[in-house]
Amino acid sequence: MEAKNDSAIIPDREFLAMLHAARKDDEAAKLQLIELFKGDIISLSRYIHLPQEDAVAEIVMELLEYIKDGGE
């Protein structure tokens, strides 16, 4: 049986506002984005050959760097 897709669905406008705020170092927006992608982060961390806690931390750091750099 397939796992239920647990990703939260938010309007594009709300996501873009969160992204814009995160780029301006809004800590609350960063935490909201991490929470939004939490299920995907945990799922992906299983494929990294590190302890899960370290893998999750690496993914979160890369995500935050990507957001700050504007996706470049």
Protein backbone atom coordinates (compact mmCIF):
# COMPACT_ATOMS: atom_id res chain seq x y z
CA MET A 1 0.00 0.00 0.00
CA GLU A 2 1.33 3.43 -0.89
CA ALA A 3 2.17 5.89 1.84
CA LYS A 4 -0.12 8.86 2.10
CA ASN A 5 1.36 12.08 0.73
CA ASP A 6 1.71 14.16 3.89
CA SER A 7 2.96 17.36 2.28
CA ALA A 8 0.91 20.34 3.33
CA ILE A 9 -0.79 22.22 0.56
CA ILE A 10 -0.55 25.99 0.73
CA PRO A 11 -1.45 28.61 -1.85
CA ASP A 12 1.34 29.76 -4.15
CA ARG A 13 1.02 33.33 -2.90
CA GLU A 14 1.56 32.20 0.71
CA PHE A 15 4.55 30.04 -0.27
CA LEU A 16 6.16 32.89 -2.20
CA ALA A 17 5.61 35.28 0.72
CA MET A 18 7.28 32.76 3.05
CA LEU A 19 10.17 32.31 0.61
CA HIS A 20 10.65 36.08 0.26
CA ALA A 21 10.62 36.53 4.05
CA ALA A 22 13.11 33.66 4.51
CA ARG A 23 15.48 35.33 2.04
CA LYS A 24 15.34 38.41 4.28
CA ASP A 25 16.42 36.26 7.28
CA ASP A 26 12.96 35.94 8.87
CA GLU A 27 13.52 33.04 11.28
CA ALA A 28 9.79 32.24 11.53
CA ALA A 29 9.53 31.93 7.74
CA LYS A 30 12.57 29.65 7.66
CA LEU A 31 11.03 27.40 10.31
CA GLN A 32 7.73 27.31 8.39
CA LEU A 33 9.54 26.24 5.21
CA ILE A 34 11.44 23.53 7.06
CA GLU A 35 8.19 22.31 8.60
CA LEU A 36 6.51 22.36 5.18
CA PHE A 37 9.22 20.09 3.73
CA LYS A 38 9.78 18.01 6.90
CA GLY A 39 8.25 14.82 5.48
CA ASP A 40 10.34 15.02 2.31
CA ILE A 41 13.50 15.80 4.30
CA ILE A 42 13.02 12.77 6.55
CA SER A 43 12.25 10.56 3.57
CA LEU A 44 15.36 11.70 1.67
CA SER A 45 17.58 11.36 4.72
CA ARG A 46 17.18 7.57 4.54
CA TYR A 47 19.27 7.49 1.36
CA ILE A 48 22.26 9.37 2.77
CA HIS A 49 24.96 7.23 4.35
CA LEU A 50 25.06 9.15 7.64
CA PRO A 51 23.15 8.83 10.88
CA GLN A 52 19.62 10.11 10.18
CA GLU A 53 20.02 13.09 12.50
CA ASP A 54 23.15 14.23 10.61
CA ALA A 55 21.54 13.61 7.23
CA VAL A 56 18.50 15.70 8.17
CA ALA A 57 20.76 18.51 9.39
CA GLU A 58 22.72 18.44 6.10
CA ILE A 59 19.55 18.58 4.01
CA VAL A 60 18.13 21.46 6.07
CA MET A 61 21.38 23.42 5.77
CA GLU A 62 21.48 22.90 2.00
CA LEU A 63 17.83 23.97 1.71
CA LEU A 64 18.46 27.15 3.69
CA GLU A 65 21.56 27.97 1.63
CA TYR A 66 19.60 27.39 -1.58
CA ILE A 67 16.83 29.72 -0.38
CA LYS A 68 19.28 32.42 0.69
CA ASP A 69 21.13 32.28 -2.65
CA GLY A 70 17.86 32.73 -4.52
CA GLY A 71 17.93 29.30 -6.12
CA GLU A 72 21.17 29.86 -8.00
